[in-house]
Protein backbone atom coordinates (compact mmCIF):
# COMPACT_ATOMS: atom_id res chain seq x y z
CA MET A 1 12.88 -4.57 -16.97
CA PHE A 2 12.55 -8.07 -15.01
CA VAL A 3 10.09 -9.52 -17.80
CA LYS A 4 9.74 -9.61 -21.18
CA ASP A 5 6.15 -9.72 -21.48
CA VAL A 6 4.19 -7.14 -19.27
CA ASN A 7 0.87 -8.57 -20.03
CA HIS A 8 1.36 -11.68 -19.64
CA PHE A 9 2.94 -11.08 -16.02
CA LEU A 10 -0.10 -9.46 -15.25
CA ASN A 11 -2.27 -11.99 -15.90
CA LEU A 12 -0.14 -14.26 -13.70
CA LEU A 13 -0.80 -12.31 -10.79
CA GLU A 14 -4.15 -12.13 -11.84
CA ARG A 15 -4.69 -15.81 -11.79
CA THR A 16 -2.22 -16.40 -8.64
CA GLY A 17 -2.85 -13.75 -6.47
CA LEU A 18 0.73 -13.06 -6.54
CA VAL A 19 1.70 -9.25 -5.17
CA MET A 20 5.00 -7.22 -5.96
CA SER A 21 6.64 -5.67 -2.93
CA GLY A 22 9.98 -4.94 -1.33
CA SER A 23 12.38 -2.00 -2.85
CA SER A 24 10.95 -2.25 -6.36
CA THR A 25 7.48 -1.37 -4.91
CA LEU A 26 9.02 1.39 -2.89
CA HIS A 27 10.71 2.75 -5.82
CA LEU A 28 7.30 3.35 -7.37
CA VAL A 29 5.85 4.88 -4.11
CA GLN A 30 9.08 7.17 -3.99
CA ALA A 31 9.26 7.48 -7.18
CA LYS A 32 10.05 11.58 -7.02
CA ALA A 33 12.07 11.36 -3.67
CA GLU A 34 14.41 9.11 -5.42
CA ALA A 35 14.98 7.14 -1.84
CA VAL A 36 15.25 3.84 -3.50
CA HIS A 37 17.09 2.39 -6.67
CA LEU A 38 15.76 -0.23 -8.33
CA ARG A 39 17.78 -3.42 -7.56
CA ASP A 40 15.67 -6.41 -7.57
CA MET A 41 12.25 -7.61 -7.50
CA ASP A 42 10.63 -9.54 -4.78
CA VAL A 43 6.85 -11.04 -5.22
CA TYR A 44 5.17 -12.54 -2.95
CA VAL A 45 2.36 -15.54 -3.91
CA THR A 46 0.96 -18.83 -1.31
CA VAL A 47 2.39 -22.04 -2.09
CA GLU A 48 -0.24 -23.67 -4.20
CA PHE A 49 0.93 -21.61 -6.99
CA GLU A 50 4.29 -22.59 -6.93
CA GLU A 51 4.79 -24.60 -9.59
CA SER A 52 2.89 -22.22 -12.11
CA VAL A 53 5.02 -19.41 -10.99
CA MET A 54 8.29 -21.32 -10.66
CA GLU A 55 7.56 -22.53 -14.03
CA TYR A 56 6.90 -19.12 -15.59
CA PHE A 57 9.91 -17.36 -14.11
CA LYS A 58 12.25 -20.49 -15.45
CA LYS A 59 10.49 -21.37 -19.09
CA GLU A 60 9.13 -17.95 -19.92
CA GLU A 61 11.43 -15.40 -18.33
CA GLY A 62 14.59 -17.61 -18.66
CA TYR A 63 15.66 -16.99 -14.90
CA LYS A 64 17.73 -19.57 -13.06
CA VAL A 65 17.39 -20.58 -9.25
CA THR A 66 20.25 -19.58 -7.73
CA ASN A 67 19.04 -20.24 -3.91
CA LYS A 68 16.65 -22.20 -1.56
CA SER A 69 15.69 -21.26 1.45
CA ARG A 70 12.86 -21.49 4.27
CA GLN A 71 12.96 -18.01 4.91
CA LYS A 72 14.50 -14.18 3.46
CA SER A 73 17.48 -13.73 5.16
CA GLU A 74 16.51 -9.73 5.47
CA TYR A 75 13.38 -10.47 7.30
CA ASP A 76 13.03 -12.64 9.98
CA SER A 77 9.25 -14.09 9.25
CA LEU A 78 7.30 -17.33 10.59
CA VAL A 79 4.75 -16.77 7.98
CA VAL A 80 7.28 -17.39 5.42
CA THR A 81 7.04 -20.96 4.00
CA LYS A 82 10.28 -20.51 1.65
CA VAL A 83 11.93 -18.76 -0.82
CA TYR A 84 13.40 -18.67 -4.29
CA LYS A 85 16.66 -16.35 -5.21
CA LEU A 86 16.44 -16.38 -9.21
CA GLU A 87 18.41 -14.12 -11.56
CA LYS A 88 19.17 -13.37 -15.21
CA ASN A 89 21.68 -11.09 -16.69
CA GLY A 90 22.39 -9.37 -13.73
CA LYS A 91 18.34 -8.98 -12.60
CA LYS A 92 17.39 -11.11 -9.49
CA VAL A 93 13.98 -11.79 -8.32
CA ASP A 94 13.07 -13.38 -4.96
CA ILE A 95 9.72 -15.43 -4.94
CA ILE A 96 8.78 -15.61 -1.49
CA PHE A 97 5.72 -18.42 -0.68
CA THR A 98 3.69 -18.29 2.44
CA GLU A 99 1.04 -21.22 3.12
CA TYR A 100 -1.58 -18.42 4.75
CA ALA A 101 -4.42 -17.87 2.66
CA SER A 102 -3.17 -14.52 1.28
CA ALA A 103 0.27 -13.53 -0.24
CA ILE A 104 0.06 -10.26 1.60
CA VAL A 105 0.30 -11.69 4.89
CA PRO A 106 4.22 -11.82 5.32
CA ILE A 107 3.78 -7.93 3.89
CA LEU A 108 2.24 -7.26 7.18
CA GLN A 109 4.97 -8.79 9.40
CA TYR A 110 8.10 -6.48 7.43
CA HIS A 111 10.18 -5.09 10.43
CA SER A 112 8.93 -1.62 9.46
CA THR A 113 6.04 0.77 7.80
CA ALA A 114 8.44 1.77 4.80
CA VAL A 115 8.38 -1.44 3.12
CA MET A 116 4.57 -2.10 3.76
CA ASN A 117 3.37 -1.34 0.14
CA TYR A 118 2.73 -4.04 -2.42
CA ILE A 119 0.99 -4.34 -6.48
CA THR A 120 -1.22 -6.15 -7.28
CA ALA A 121 -2.61 -7.46 -11.42
CA CYS A 122 -4.38 -3.77 -10.89
CA SER A 123 -3.42 -1.66 -8.01
CA LEU A 124 -0.85 -0.13 -6.22
CA MET A 125 -1.22 -0.31 -2.17
CA SER A 126 0.89 1.55 0.38
CA LEU A 127 -0.60 0.65 3.86
CA TYR A 128 1.26 3.93 5.20
CA PRO A 129 1.36 6.62 2.55
CA GLN A 130 1.31 9.43 4.55
CA TRP A 131 4.65 8.32 6.34
CA THR A 132 6.16 6.46 3.43
CA LYS A 133 5.71 9.66 1.21
CA GLU A 134 7.65 11.97 3.87
CA LYS A 135 10.30 9.20 4.65
CA LYS A 136 8.79 8.35 8.11
CA SER A 137 8.97 4.73 8.61
CA LEU A 138 7.67 3.00 12.05
CA VAL A 139 9.16 -0.26 13.26
CA ASN A 140 6.72 -2.84 13.46
CA PRO A 141 5.63 -3.83 17.12
CA CYS A 142 6.26 -7.63 16.33
CA MET A 143 9.75 -7.16 16.11
CA TYR A 144 9.07 -6.87 19.68
CA THR A 145 6.52 -9.28 20.56
CA ASP A 146 7.94 -11.61 18.51
CA ASP A 147 11.50 -11.60 19.62
CA CYS A 148 12.54 -10.99 15.90
CA THR A 149 15.04 -7.85 17.46
CA ASN A 150 17.95 -9.79 15.56
CA ILE A 151 20.53 -8.99 13.68
CA CYS A 152 18.73 -9.57 10.86
CA THR A 153 15.99 -6.72 11.72
CA VAL A 154 18.74 -3.92 12.85
CA LEU A 155 20.70 -4.64 9.50
CA ALA A 156 17.55 -4.14 7.78
CA LEU A 157 16.00 -1.02 9.79
CA MET A 158 19.62 0.71 9.10
CA LYS A 159 19.30 0.01 5.31
CA TYR A 160 16.39 2.36 5.16
CA THR A 161 17.76 4.72 7.66
CA CYS A 162 20.70 4.79 5.12
CA ARG A 163 18.65 5.56 2.85
CA GLY A 164 17.02 9.02 4.18
CA PHE A 165 14.13 7.29 6.27
CA HIS A 166 13.20 8.44 9.79
CA VAL A 167 12.79 5.05 11.52
CA THR A 168 11.39 5.18 15.02
CA ALA A 169 9.87 2.87 17.38
CA GLU A 170 7.46 5.62 18.81
CA PRO A 171 4.84 6.42 16.51
CA LEU A 172 4.06 10.44 18.04
CA GLU A 173 7.76 11.07 17.11
CA LEU A 174 6.09 10.89 13.34
CA GLY A 175 3.33 13.45 13.66
CA ASN A 176 -0.58 13.13 14.06
CA HIS A 177 -2.84 12.78 11.20
CA ASP A 178 -5.93 14.88 10.65
CA CYS A 179 -8.11 12.27 9.05
CA GLN A 180 -10.55 15.00 7.68
CA ARG A 181 -7.76 16.82 5.86
CA SER A 182 -5.18 14.01 4.88
CA VAL A 183 -5.91 12.14 1.78
CA TYR A 184 -3.18 9.84 2.06
CA LEU A 185 -3.96 8.72 5.76
CA LEU A 186 -5.03 4.81 6.36
CA ARG A 187 -8.15 5.01 8.00
CA THR A 188 -8.38 1.33 9.32
CA ARG A 189 -10.70 1.54 11.94
CA MET A 190 -13.53 3.29 9.75
CA GLY A 191 -13.01 0.80 6.72
CA LEU A 192 -11.71 3.71 4.76
CA THR A 193 -8.55 2.60 2.18
CA TYR A 194 -6.68 4.80 -0.01
CA GLY A 195 -4.72 3.79 -2.85
CA TYR A 196 -3.79 4.05 -6.20
CA LEU A 197 -5.03 2.44 -9.14
CA ILE A 198 -3.18 1.18 -12.26
CA ARG A 199 -4.24 0.96 -15.73
CA VAL A 200 -2.17 -0.87 -18.57
CA ILE A 201 -2.36 1.28 -21.35
CA GLY A 202 -0.42 -0.29 -23.99
CA GLN A 203 2.78 -2.84 -23.65
CA GLY A 204 4.85 -1.76 -20.42
CA ARG A 205 2.85 1.57 -20.03
CA PHE A 206 0.72 2.31 -17.46
CA LYS A 207 -1.67 4.89 -16.19
CA VAL A 208 -1.97 5.77 -12.21
CA SER A 209 -4.71 7.41 -10.42
CA ALA A 210 -5.75 7.78 -6.67
CA TYR A 211 -8.87 6.08 -5.09
CA THR A 212 -10.71 5.71 -1.89
CA GLU A 213 -12.61 2.67 -0.96
CA VAL A 214 -15.03 2.33 2.16
CA GLN A 215 -15.65 -0.88 3.24
């Protein structure tokens, strides 16, 4: 939908470490629940690849830059260096750059766990898959410690509440996980990560399978 050559785009992800996140990724995680309709695409990448990524979207895909800012208005994050808003035939792409070593750092600063999901060149990762699957979302504690409880944060949280998510700042409201039974739980303390592997099996066609990784 957003790119003409899927294989070329995946090659860009692999070369630059670029990841996709936001509503486009949640659209895949919540595909059956239809919690999110695909409207735009957010991509995250480190500043060292700014020139090559911008060249790809403008020259290869024909997008035009409509705005440039120092942060994405929906998310008040200090780890975002700059944001380019692009558009082509009604399709919108936000390119978010960070000076941190990894493109996923801004994703960890999101307002709540509902949007802590991202796609790499070969995988779909959900940091809180059980809650996300059940339309539950925990407000990021950083919103309070970093004094980010402003109108932008409130509007972002309201957006997901309107989409049917139970958004709360109290983790106990979301229920306890049984670490031995739930295959969706992200067990960070034991170094066990669950996710989904995406393999390209044809032009625009993917095969998704679950995997577990122990570190």
